[in-house]
Amino acid sequence: MKPFDFFAHVFSIFAFLTLGSLLLIVSVHILTVEDAIAQLTQLYESPWRSLQSGILGIVFITVGLGFTRMLLKKRRQEEALIFQSEIGPIVVSSTAIEDTAKKIIKKFYLVKEAKIKTLIQGKDVELKVRLVLWSGGRIQALLTEIQEEMRARVRKLLGPDNKLEITCDIQRIEDHEAADPEINERAAAL
């Protein structure tokens, strides 16, 4: 288990224990209404304690939103496409589809960075590819070649029955001078 996952689980456990304890304290009348009002009065009268409570509240909200985002992202990575082949049912995870697309992108010298996101809805698969490119080539020809190779490879993985859409999004184009003249020649040829 990753340390961040462990921290998320521990934090959620403590949050539930704290809320449960608070509800028990209120229901069993361990803390009287007068004591609660006295504590709140002290909190409102002291600017330092108000500031501490505000900062603590912001920290809890931020950490809670971070954990929510992490759990949603983790859930998305566990998505999979299930389809029937001649030998039986096959399950292909979104991570496997993204890994296949990343291997294809590594072949292209003009791609500096790539981020791939897979969206699966029923039998429809959408690949969103965000690219940072090196300058010096014909962008349209490069994107067409990337999409064609990606479509062919992912089609082999998923089969012909699934709808596949590939969207390329160019984030930036950066200048460079490669140390290897062969790379510059290949970039110029594209």
N, C-alpha and C. Protein backbone atom coordinates (compact mmCIF):
# COMPACT_ATOMS: atom_id res chain seq x y z
N MET A 1 0.85 -1.17 0.00
CA MET A 1 0.00 0.00 0.00
C MET A 1 0.90 1.23 0.00
N LYS A 2 0.57 2.17 -0.87
CA LYS A 2 1.34 3.39 -0.97
C LYS A 2 1.15 4.23 0.29
N PRO A 3 2.16 5.02 0.67
CA PRO A 3 2.04 5.83 1.89
C PRO A 3 0.86 6.81 1.83
N PHE A 4 0.60 7.40 0.66
CA PHE A 4 -0.50 8.35 0.56
C PHE A 4 -1.84 7.63 0.73
N ASP A 5 -1.97 6.43 0.16
CA ASP A 5 -3.20 5.65 0.34
C ASP A 5 -3.40 5.30 1.80
N PHE A 6 -2.31 4.91 2.45
CA PHE A 6 -2.37 4.58 3.88
C PHE A 6 -2.84 5.79 4.68
N PHE A 7 -2.26 6.97 4.38
CA PHE A 7 -2.65 8.20 5.07
C PHE A 7 -4.12 8.51 4.82
N ALA A 8 -4.59 8.30 3.59
CA ALA A 8 -6.00 8.56 3.27
C ALA A 8 -6.92 7.66 4.08
N HIS A 9 -6.55 6.39 4.19
CA HIS A 9 -7.38 5.47 4.96
C HIS A 9 -7.38 5.85 6.45
N VAL A 10 -6.21 6.17 6.97
CA VAL A 10 -6.12 6.54 8.39
C VAL A 10 -6.92 7.82 8.65
N PHE A 11 -6.79 8.80 7.75
CA PHE A 11 -7.52 10.06 7.92
C PHE A 11 -9.03 9.82 7.90
N SER A 12 -9.50 9.03 6.97
CA SER A 12 -10.95 8.78 6.90
C SER A 12 -11.43 8.02 8.13
N ILE A 13 -10.63 7.09 8.62
CA ILE A 13 -11.01 6.36 9.83
C ILE A 13 -11.13 7.32 11.01
N PHE A 14 -10.14 8.20 11.19
CA PHE A 14 -10.19 9.16 12.29
C PHE A 14 -11.35 10.14 12.13
N ALA A 15 -11.65 10.53 10.90
CA ALA A 15 -12.79 11.44 10.69
C ALA A 15 -14.09 10.78 11.12
N PHE A 16 -14.29 9.53 10.74
CA PHE A 16 -15.51 8.83 11.14
C PHE A 16 -15.55 8.60 12.65
N LEU A 17 -14.40 8.25 13.24
CA LEU A 17 -14.37 8.06 14.69
C LEU A 17 -14.67 9.36 15.43
N THR A 18 -14.13 10.47 14.93
CA THR A 18 -14.37 11.76 15.57
C THR A 18 -15.85 12.15 15.49
N LEU A 19 -16.43 12.01 14.31
CA LEU A 19 -17.85 12.34 14.16
C LEU A 19 -18.72 11.41 15.01
N GLY A 20 -18.40 10.13 15.02
CA GLY A 20 -19.16 9.19 15.85
C GLY A 20 -19.05 9.52 17.32
N SER A 21 -17.84 9.86 17.76
CA SER A 21 -17.65 10.23 19.17
C SER A 21 -18.41 11.49 19.53
N LEU A 22 -18.39 12.47 18.63
CA LEU A 22 -19.13 13.70 18.87
C LEU A 22 -20.63 13.43 19.01
N LEU A 23 -21.15 12.60 18.13
CA LEU A 23 -22.57 12.26 18.21
C LEU A 23 -22.90 11.51 19.50
N LEU A 24 -22.01 10.62 19.93
CA LEU A 24 -22.23 9.91 21.20
C LEU A 24 -22.18 10.86 22.38
N ILE A 25 -21.24 11.79 22.39
CA ILE A 25 -21.12 12.76 23.47
C ILE A 25 -22.40 13.58 23.58
N VAL A 26 -22.94 13.99 22.43
CA VAL A 26 -24.16 14.79 22.43
C VAL A 26 -25.36 13.94 22.88
N SER A 27 -25.44 12.71 22.39
CA SER A 27 -26.62 11.90 22.71
C SER A 27 -26.64 11.41 24.16
N VAL A 28 -25.48 11.18 24.76
CA VAL A 28 -25.43 10.69 26.15
C VAL A 28 -25.36 11.85 27.14
N HIS A 29 -25.30 13.07 26.65
CA HIS A 29 -25.27 14.28 27.47
C HIS A 29 -24.01 14.35 28.34
N ILE A 30 -22.87 13.91 27.83
CA ILE A 30 -21.60 14.03 28.55
C ILE A 30 -21.18 15.50 28.58
N LEU A 31 -21.41 16.19 27.50
CA LEU A 31 -21.11 17.61 27.42
C LEU A 31 -22.43 18.36 27.51
N THR A 32 -22.56 19.16 28.52
CA THR A 32 -23.81 19.90 28.69
C THR A 32 -23.86 21.07 27.71
N VAL A 33 -25.04 21.55 27.49
CA VAL A 33 -25.24 22.68 26.58
C VAL A 33 -24.50 23.91 27.10
N GLU A 34 -24.52 24.11 28.43
CA GLU A 34 -23.85 25.27 29.02
C GLU A 34 -22.34 25.21 28.78
N ASP A 35 -21.75 23.99 28.95
CA ASP A 35 -20.31 23.85 28.71
C ASP A 35 -19.98 24.10 27.24
N ALA A 36 -20.81 23.60 26.34
CA ALA A 36 -20.58 23.81 24.91
C ALA A 36 -20.66 25.29 24.57
N ILE A 37 -21.64 25.99 25.14
CA ILE A 37 -21.79 27.43 24.90
C ILE A 37 -20.60 28.19 25.48
N ALA A 38 -20.11 27.77 26.65
CA ALA A 38 -18.94 28.42 27.25
C ALA A 38 -17.71 28.25 26.36
N GLN A 39 -17.52 27.05 25.81
CA GLN A 39 -16.38 26.81 24.92
C GLN A 39 -16.48 27.65 23.65
N LEU A 40 -17.69 27.73 23.08
CA LEU A 40 -17.89 28.55 21.88
C LEU A 40 -17.69 30.03 22.17
N THR A 41 -18.10 30.46 23.34
CA THR A 41 -17.92 31.86 23.74
C THR A 41 -16.42 32.18 23.82
N GLN A 42 -15.65 31.29 24.43
CA GLN A 42 -14.19 31.49 24.51
C GLN A 42 -13.59 31.54 23.10
N LEU A 43 -14.10 30.70 22.22
CA LEU A 43 -13.58 30.67 20.85
C LEU A 43 -13.87 31.99 20.14
N TYR A 44 -15.09 32.53 20.30
CA TYR A 44 -15.46 33.77 19.63
C TYR A 44 -14.78 34.98 20.24
N GLU A 45 -14.44 34.95 21.52
CA GLU A 45 -13.85 36.11 22.17
C GLU A 45 -12.35 36.21 21.92
N SER A 46 -11.68 35.10 21.65
CA SER A 46 -10.23 35.13 21.45
C SER A 46 -9.91 35.10 19.95
N PRO A 47 -9.33 36.18 19.42
CA PRO A 47 -8.98 36.19 17.99
C PRO A 47 -7.96 35.09 17.63
N TRP A 48 -7.05 34.81 18.55
CA TRP A 48 -6.03 33.79 18.29
C TRP A 48 -6.68 32.41 18.13
N ARG A 49 -7.61 32.07 19.01
CA ARG A 49 -8.29 30.77 18.91
C ARG A 49 -9.19 30.71 17.67
N SER A 50 -9.78 31.84 17.30
CA SER A 50 -10.59 31.88 16.08
C SER A 50 -9.72 31.63 14.86
N LEU A 51 -8.54 32.24 14.83
CA LEU A 51 -7.61 32.05 13.72
C LEU A 51 -7.16 30.59 13.65
N GLN A 52 -6.82 30.01 14.80
CA GLN A 52 -6.42 28.60 14.82
C GLN A 52 -7.53 27.70 14.29
N SER A 53 -8.74 27.94 14.71
CA SER A 53 -9.88 27.13 14.26
C SER A 53 -10.11 27.30 12.77
N GLY A 54 -9.98 28.53 12.28
CA GLY A 54 -10.15 28.78 10.85
C GLY A 54 -9.11 28.07 10.01
N ILE A 55 -7.85 28.15 10.44
CA ILE A 55 -6.77 27.48 9.71
C ILE A 55 -6.98 25.96 9.74
N LEU A 56 -7.33 25.44 10.90
CA LEU A 56 -7.59 24.00 11.02
C LEU A 56 -8.75 23.58 10.12
N GLY A 57 -9.79 24.40 10.04
CA GLY A 57 -10.91 24.10 9.16
C GLY A 57 -10.50 24.07 7.70
N ILE A 58 -9.69 25.04 7.27
CA ILE A 58 -9.20 25.09 5.89
C ILE A 58 -8.34 23.86 5.59
N VAL A 59 -7.49 23.47 6.53
CA VAL A 59 -6.66 22.27 6.34
C VAL A 59 -7.53 21.03 6.16
N PHE A 60 -8.54 20.87 7.02
CA PHE A 60 -9.42 19.70 6.91
C PHE A 60 -10.18 19.69 5.59
N ILE A 61 -10.67 20.84 5.15
CA ILE A 61 -11.40 20.91 3.88
C ILE A 61 -10.47 20.58 2.72
N THR A 62 -9.26 21.15 2.72
CA THR A 62 -8.30 20.90 1.64
C THR A 62 -7.91 19.43 1.58
N VAL A 63 -7.59 18.85 2.73
CA VAL A 63 -7.20 17.43 2.77
C VAL A 63 -8.38 16.56 2.35
N GLY A 64 -9.57 16.89 2.79
CA GLY A 64 -10.75 16.12 2.39
C GLY A 64 -10.99 16.17 0.89
N LEU A 65 -10.85 17.36 0.28
CA LEU A 65 -11.01 17.47 -1.16
C LEU A 65 -9.91 16.71 -1.91
N GLY A 66 -8.69 16.75 -1.36
CA GLY A 66 -7.59 15.98 -1.96
C GLY A 66 -7.88 14.49 -1.95
N PHE A 67 -8.37 13.99 -0.83
CA PHE A 67 -8.70 12.57 -0.75
C PHE A 67 -9.84 12.20 -1.67
N THR A 68 -10.82 13.09 -1.79
CA THR A 68 -11.93 12.83 -2.70
C THR A 68 -11.44 12.74 -4.14
N ARG A 69 -10.56 13.65 -4.51
CA ARG A 69 -10.00 13.63 -5.87
C ARG A 69 -9.21 12.35 -6.09
N MET A 70 -8.41 11.95 -5.10
CA MET A 70 -7.61 10.74 -5.22
C MET A 70 -8.51 9.51 -5.39
N LEU A 71 -9.57 9.43 -4.60
CA LEU A 71 -10.45 8.28 -4.69
C LEU A 71 -11.18 8.24 -6.02
N LEU A 72 -11.58 9.41 -6.54
CA LEU A 72 -12.23 9.43 -7.84
C LEU A 72 -11.27 9.03 -8.95
N LYS A 73 -10.03 9.49 -8.87
CA LYS A 73 -9.03 9.14 -9.86
C LYS A 73 -8.73 7.64 -9.81
N LYS A 74 -8.63 7.12 -8.60
CA LYS A 74 -8.38 5.69 -8.43
C LYS A 74 -9.54 4.88 -9.01
N ARG A 75 -10.75 5.35 -8.81
CA ARG A 75 -11.93 4.65 -9.34
C ARG A 75 -11.91 4.65 -10.86
N ARG A 76 -11.49 5.78 -11.47
CA ARG A 76 -11.42 5.86 -12.91
C ARG A 76 -10.39 4.89 -13.46
N GLN A 77 -9.28 4.70 -12.76
CA GLN A 77 -8.25 3.79 -13.23
C GLN A 77 -8.69 2.34 -13.14
N GLU A 78 -9.69 2.07 -12.32
CA GLU A 78 -10.16 0.71 -12.20
C GLU A 78 -11.23 0.39 -13.23
N GLU A 79 -11.57 1.35 -14.11
CA GLU A 79 -12.54 1.10 -15.15
C GLU A 79 -11.97 0.10 -16.14
N ALA A 80 -12.86 -0.67 -16.74
CA ALA A 80 -12.43 -1.67 -17.71
C ALA A 80 -13.52 -1.87 -18.75
N LEU A 81 -13.11 -2.36 -19.88
CA LEU A 81 -14.02 -2.70 -20.96
C LEU A 81 -14.10 -4.22 -21.03
N ILE A 82 -15.31 -4.74 -21.01
CA ILE A 82 -15.52 -6.19 -21.07
C ILE A 82 -16.21 -6.49 -22.40
N PHE A 83 -15.63 -7.40 -23.16
CA PHE A 83 -16.27 -7.78 -24.42
C PHE A 83 -16.09 -9.28 -24.63
N GLN A 84 -16.95 -9.80 -25.49
CA GLN A 84 -16.97 -11.24 -25.76
C GLN A 84 -16.14 -11.51 -27.01
N SER A 85 -15.22 -12.46 -26.92
CA SER A 85 -14.46 -12.90 -28.08
C SER A 85 -14.85 -14.34 -28.38
N GLU A 86 -14.24 -14.92 -29.40
CA GLU A 86 -14.57 -16.30 -29.75
C GLU A 86 -14.12 -17.29 -28.69
N ILE A 87 -13.16 -16.90 -27.83
CA ILE A 87 -12.70 -17.82 -26.79
C ILE A 87 -13.31 -17.53 -25.42
N GLY A 88 -14.11 -16.46 -25.32
CA GLY A 88 -14.75 -16.14 -24.06
C GLY A 88 -14.65 -14.66 -23.74
N PRO A 89 -15.12 -14.27 -22.54
CA PRO A 89 -15.08 -12.85 -22.17
C PRO A 89 -13.65 -12.37 -21.93
N ILE A 90 -13.40 -11.12 -22.35
CA ILE A 90 -12.09 -10.51 -22.17
C ILE A 90 -12.29 -9.18 -21.46
N VAL A 91 -11.45 -8.90 -20.47
CA VAL A 91 -11.50 -7.65 -19.71
C VAL A 91 -10.22 -6.88 -20.02
N VAL A 92 -10.38 -5.65 -20.50
CA VAL A 92 -9.24 -4.79 -20.80
C VAL A 92 -9.40 -3.53 -19.95
N SER A 93 -8.43 -3.28 -19.06
CA SER A 93 -8.52 -2.12 -18.18
C SER A 93 -8.12 -0.85 -18.93
N SER A 94 -8.56 0.28 -18.40
CA SER A 94 -8.19 1.56 -19.00
C SER A 94 -6.68 1.80 -18.90
N THR A 95 -6.07 1.26 -17.86
CA THR A 95 -4.62 1.39 -17.71
C THR A 95 -3.89 0.65 -18.83
N ALA A 96 -4.40 -0.53 -19.22
CA ALA A 96 -3.78 -1.28 -20.31
C ALA A 96 -3.90 -0.52 -21.63
N ILE A 97 -5.04 0.13 -21.85
CA ILE A 97 -5.23 0.91 -23.08
C ILE A 97 -4.27 2.10 -23.08
N GLU A 98 -4.13 2.77 -21.94
CA GLU A 98 -3.22 3.92 -21.85
C GLU A 98 -1.77 3.49 -22.05
N ASP A 99 -1.38 2.34 -21.49
CA ASP A 99 -0.02 1.84 -21.67
C ASP A 99 0.28 1.55 -23.13
N THR A 100 -0.69 0.99 -23.83
CA THR A 100 -0.52 0.71 -25.26
C THR A 100 -0.32 2.00 -26.03
N ALA A 101 -1.10 3.02 -25.72
CA ALA A 101 -0.97 4.31 -26.40
C ALA A 101 0.38 4.97 -26.08
N LYS A 102 0.85 4.84 -24.85
CA LYS A 102 2.14 5.43 -24.47
C LYS A 102 3.29 4.79 -25.24
N LYS A 103 3.21 3.48 -25.44
CA LYS A 103 4.26 2.79 -26.20
C LYS A 103 4.32 3.30 -27.64
N ILE A 104 3.18 3.60 -28.21
CA ILE A 104 3.14 4.11 -29.57
C ILE A 104 3.75 5.50 -29.63
N ILE A 105 3.44 6.33 -28.67
CA ILE A 105 3.92 7.71 -28.68
C ILE A 105 5.44 7.77 -28.51
N LYS A 106 6.02 6.79 -27.82
CA LYS A 106 7.48 6.80 -27.63
C LYS A 106 8.23 6.69 -28.95
N LYS A 107 7.60 6.21 -30.00
CA LYS A 107 8.24 6.06 -31.31
C LYS A 107 8.47 7.40 -32.00
N PHE A 108 7.73 8.40 -31.64
CA PHE A 108 7.77 9.67 -32.35
C PHE A 108 8.74 10.63 -31.67
N TYR A 109 9.73 11.06 -32.44
CA TYR A 109 10.78 11.92 -31.91
C TYR A 109 10.30 13.33 -31.60
N LEU A 110 9.28 13.78 -32.30
CA LEU A 110 8.81 15.15 -32.10
C LEU A 110 7.91 15.31 -30.88
N VAL A 111 7.60 14.21 -30.20
CA VAL A 111 6.77 14.29 -29.00
C VAL A 111 7.68 14.39 -27.79
N LYS A 112 7.60 15.51 -27.10
CA LYS A 112 8.41 15.70 -25.90
C LYS A 112 7.74 15.05 -24.70
N GLU A 113 6.45 15.34 -24.49
CA GLU A 113 5.69 14.80 -23.36
C GLU A 113 4.31 14.42 -23.86
N ALA A 114 3.73 13.43 -23.18
CA ALA A 114 2.36 13.03 -23.53
C ALA A 114 1.63 12.57 -22.27
N LYS A 115 0.39 12.98 -22.15
CA LYS A 115 -0.49 12.50 -21.08
C LYS A 115 -1.72 11.92 -21.75
N ILE A 116 -2.09 10.73 -21.32
CA ILE A 116 -3.20 10.03 -21.95
C ILE A 116 -4.25 9.72 -20.91
N LYS A 117 -5.50 9.98 -21.27
CA LYS A 117 -6.63 9.70 -20.39
C LYS A 117 -7.63 8.87 -21.18
N THR A 118 -8.10 7.79 -20.57
CA THR A 118 -9.06 6.90 -21.22
C THR A 118 -10.42 7.04 -20.56
N LEU A 119 -11.43 7.26 -21.36
CA LEU A 119 -12.80 7.32 -20.88
C LEU A 119 -13.57 6.16 -21.50
N ILE A 120 -14.21 5.35 -20.66
CA ILE A 120 -14.96 4.19 -21.13
C ILE A 120 -16.41 4.35 -20.73
N GLN A 121 -17.30 4.27 -21.72
CA GLN A 121 -18.73 4.31 -21.48
C GLN A 121 -19.37 3.20 -22.31
N GLY A 122 -19.74 2.12 -21.64
CA GLY A 122 -20.30 0.98 -22.36
C GLY A 122 -19.26 0.38 -23.28
N LYS A 123 -19.55 0.38 -24.59
CA LYS A 123 -18.60 -0.14 -25.57
C LYS A 123 -17.83 0.99 -26.26
N ASP A 124 -18.05 2.21 -25.83
CA ASP A 124 -17.36 3.36 -26.42
C ASP A 124 -16.11 3.67 -25.62
N VAL A 125 -15.01 3.83 -26.34
CA VAL A 125 -13.73 4.16 -25.71
C VAL A 125 -13.24 5.47 -26.34
N GLU A 126 -12.89 6.41 -25.47
CA GLU A 126 -12.33 7.67 -25.95
C GLU A 126 -10.95 7.87 -25.33
N LEU A 127 -9.97 8.09 -26.19
CA LEU A 127 -8.61 8.39 -25.73
C LEU A 127 -8.36 9.88 -25.92
N LYS A 128 -8.02 10.56 -24.83
CA LYS A 128 -7.66 11.98 -24.91
C LYS A 128 -6.15 12.06 -24.72
N VAL A 129 -5.47 12.53 -25.74
CA VAL A 129 -4.01 12.57 -25.74
C VAL A 129 -3.58 14.03 -25.70
N ARG A 130 -2.90 14.41 -24.64
CA ARG A 130 -2.35 15.77 -24.51
C ARG A 130 -0.87 15.71 -24.82
N LEU A 131 -0.44 16.54 -25.76
CA LEU A 131 0.94 16.46 -26.25
C LEU A 131 1.68 17.78 -26.08
N VAL A 132 2.95 17.65 -25.76
CA VAL A 132 3.91 18.75 -25.85
C VAL A 132 4.89 18.33 -26.93
N LEU A 133 4.99 19.13 -27.99
CA LEU A 133 5.78 18.75 -29.15
C LEU A 133 7.03 19.61 -29.27
N TRP A 134 8.03 19.03 -29.94
CA TRP A 134 9.20 19.79 -30.34
C TRP A 134 8.86 20.48 -31.66
N SER A 135 9.39 21.64 -31.89
CA SER A 135 9.13 22.34 -33.15
C SER A 135 9.97 21.73 -34.26
N GLY A 136 9.62 22.06 -35.49
CA GLY A 136 10.45 21.63 -36.61
C GLY A 136 9.81 20.61 -37.52
N GLY A 137 8.58 20.27 -37.32
CA GLY A 137 7.93 19.29 -38.20
C GLY A 137 6.55 19.74 -38.59
N ARG A 138 5.95 18.98 -39.49
CA ARG A 138 4.58 19.27 -39.90
C ARG A 138 3.65 18.64 -38.88
N ILE A 139 2.96 19.46 -38.15
CA ILE A 139 2.12 19.02 -37.04
C ILE A 139 0.98 18.14 -37.53
N GLN A 140 0.31 18.57 -38.60
CA GLN A 140 -0.85 17.83 -39.10
C GLN A 140 -0.46 16.39 -39.49
N ALA A 141 0.65 16.23 -40.20
CA ALA A 141 1.09 14.90 -40.62
C ALA A 141 1.47 14.05 -39.41
N LEU A 142 2.11 14.67 -38.43
CA LEU A 142 2.50 13.96 -37.21
C LEU A 142 1.27 13.46 -36.45
N LEU A 143 0.29 14.34 -36.25
CA LEU A 143 -0.91 13.95 -35.51
C LEU A 143 -1.69 12.86 -36.24
N THR A 144 -1.76 12.95 -37.56
CA THR A 144 -2.45 11.92 -38.34
C THR A 144 -1.76 10.58 -38.17
N GLU A 145 -0.45 10.58 -38.23
CA GLU A 145 0.31 9.33 -38.08
C GLU A 145 0.15 8.74 -36.67
N ILE A 146 0.20 9.62 -35.66
CA ILE A 146 0.01 9.15 -34.28
C ILE A 146 -1.37 8.53 -34.12
N GLN A 147 -2.40 9.22 -34.61
CA GLN A 147 -3.76 8.71 -34.48
C GLN A 147 -3.95 7.39 -35.23
N GLU A 148 -3.39 7.28 -36.43
CA GLU A 148 -3.56 6.05 -37.21
C GLU A 148 -2.89 4.86 -36.52
N GLU A 149 -1.66 5.06 -36.05
CA GLU A 149 -0.96 3.96 -35.37
C GLU A 149 -1.65 3.59 -34.06
N MET A 150 -2.09 4.61 -33.33
CA MET A 150 -2.77 4.36 -32.06
C MET A 150 -4.09 3.61 -32.31
N ARG A 151 -4.82 4.03 -33.32
CA ARG A 151 -6.09 3.39 -33.64
C ARG A 151 -5.87 1.92 -34.03
N ALA A 152 -4.86 1.66 -34.83
CA ALA A 152 -4.59 0.28 -35.27
C ALA A 152 -4.20 -0.60 -34.08
N ARG A 153 -3.34 -0.11 -33.21
CA ARG A 153 -2.88 -0.92 -32.08
C ARG A 153 -3.97 -1.14 -31.05
N VAL A 154 -4.74 -0.09 -30.74
CA VAL A 154 -5.81 -0.23 -29.76
C VAL A 154 -6.94 -1.09 -30.32
N ARG A 155 -7.18 -1.00 -31.64
CA ARG A 155 -8.18 -1.87 -32.28
C ARG A 155 -7.81 -3.34 -32.11
N LYS A 156 -6.51 -3.65 -32.24
CA LYS A 156 -6.06 -5.04 -32.03
C LYS A 156 -6.34 -5.49 -30.61
N LEU A 157 -6.22 -4.57 -29.67
CA LEU A 157 -6.44 -4.88 -28.26
C LEU A 157 -7.92 -5.03 -27.94
N LEU A 158 -8.76 -4.16 -28.50
CA LEU A 158 -10.17 -4.13 -28.14
C LEU A 158 -11.08 -4.92 -29.07
N GLY A 159 -10.65 -5.15 -30.29
CA GLY A 159 -11.52 -5.81 -31.25
C GLY A 159 -12.29 -4.80 -32.08
N PRO A 160 -12.94 -5.25 -33.14
CA PRO A 160 -13.61 -4.32 -34.07
C PRO A 160 -14.98 -3.84 -33.61
N ASP A 161 -15.57 -4.46 -32.61
CA ASP A 161 -16.95 -4.13 -32.21
C ASP A 161 -17.06 -2.86 -31.37
N ASN A 162 -15.97 -2.40 -30.81
CA ASN A 162 -16.01 -1.24 -29.91
C ASN A 162 -15.71 0.05 -30.67
N LYS A 163 -16.47 1.09 -30.34
CA LYS A 163 -16.26 2.40 -30.95
C LYS A 163 -15.04 3.04 -30.29
N LEU A 164 -14.12 3.55 -31.11
CA LEU A 164 -12.89 4.15 -30.60
C LEU A 164 -12.76 5.56 -31.16
N GLU A 165 -12.56 6.52 -30.26
CA GLU A 165 -12.34 7.90 -30.67
C GLU A 165 -11.05 8.39 -30.03
N ILE A 166 -10.19 8.98 -30.84
CA ILE A 166 -8.90 9.48 -30.36
C ILE A 166 -8.85 10.98 -30.60
N THR A 167 -8.65 11.74 -29.52
CA THR A 167 -8.58 13.20 -29.60
C THR A 167 -7.18 13.63 -29.18
N CYS A 168 -6.50 14.35 -30.07
CA CYS A 168 -5.17 14.89 -29.76
C CYS A 168 -5.29 16.37 -29.43
N ASP A 169 -4.67 16.74 -28.33
CA ASP A 169 -4.71 18.12 -27.85
C ASP A 169 -3.27 18.58 -27.68
N ILE A 170 -2.85 19.55 -28.46
CA ILE A 170 -1.48 20.05 -28.37
C ILE A 170 -1.45 21.15 -27.31
N GLN A 171 -0.69 20.90 -26.25
CA GLN A 171 -0.57 21.86 -25.16
C GLN A 171 0.45 22.96 -25.48
N ARG A 172 1.62 22.55 -26.00
CA ARG A 172 2.69 23.50 -26.30
C ARG A 172 3.55 22.96 -27.43
N ILE A 173 4.27 23.87 -28.08
CA ILE A 173 5.30 23.48 -29.04
C ILE A 173 6.57 24.20 -28.60
N GLU A 174 7.62 23.43 -28.33
CA GLU A 174 8.85 24.00 -27.80
C GLU A 174 9.97 23.89 -28.83
N ASP A 175 10.88 24.87 -28.79
CA ASP A 175 12.05 24.87 -29.67
C ASP A 175 13.15 24.03 -29.06
N HIS A 176 13.95 23.42 -29.93
CA HIS A 176 15.09 22.65 -29.45
C HIS A 176 16.10 22.46 -30.57
N GLU A 177 17.27 22.12 -30.18
CA GLU A 177 18.31 21.70 -31.10
C GLU A 177 18.87 20.41 -30.54
N ALA A 178 18.57 19.32 -31.17
CA ALA A 178 19.03 18.02 -30.68
C ALA A 178 20.51 17.87 -30.92
N ALA A 179 21.17 17.18 -30.01
CA ALA A 179 22.60 16.93 -30.15
C ALA A 179 22.87 15.96 -31.29
N ASP A 180 21.93 15.08 -31.58
CA ASP A 180 22.07 14.09 -32.63
C ASP A 180 21.52 14.66 -33.93
N PRO A 181 22.34 14.82 -34.98
CA PRO A 181 21.86 15.38 -36.24
C PRO A 181 20.81 14.50 -36.91
N GLU A 182 20.82 13.20 -36.63
CA GLU A 182 19.84 12.29 -37.20
C GLU A 182 18.42 12.64 -36.73
N ILE A 183 18.30 13.04 -35.46
CA ILE A 183 16.99 13.43 -34.94
C ILE A 183 16.52 14.71 -35.64
N ASN A 184 17.44 15.67 -35.86
CA ASN A 184 17.06 16.89 -36.56
C ASN A 184 16.62 16.60 -37.98
N GLU A 185 17.29 15.65 -38.66
CA GLU A 185 16.91 15.28 -40.02
C GLU A 185 15.54 14.63 -40.04
N ARG A 186 15.27 13.76 -39.08
CA ARG A 186 13.95 13.10 -39.02
C ARG A 186 12.85 14.11 -38.75
N ALA A 187 13.14 15.08 -37.87
CA ALA A 187 12.15 16.10 -37.57
C ALA A 187 11.87 16.96 -38.79
N ALA A 188 12.90 17.28 -39.56
CA ALA A 188 12.73 18.09 -40.75
C ALA A 188 11.96 17.32 -41.82
N ALA A 189 12.15 16.02 -41.87
CA ALA A 189 11.47 15.19 -42.88
C ALA A 189 9.97 15.13 -42.63
N LEU A 190 9.57 15.21 -41.37
CA LEU A 190 8.13 15.20 -41.06
C LEU A 190 7.54 16.55 -41.33
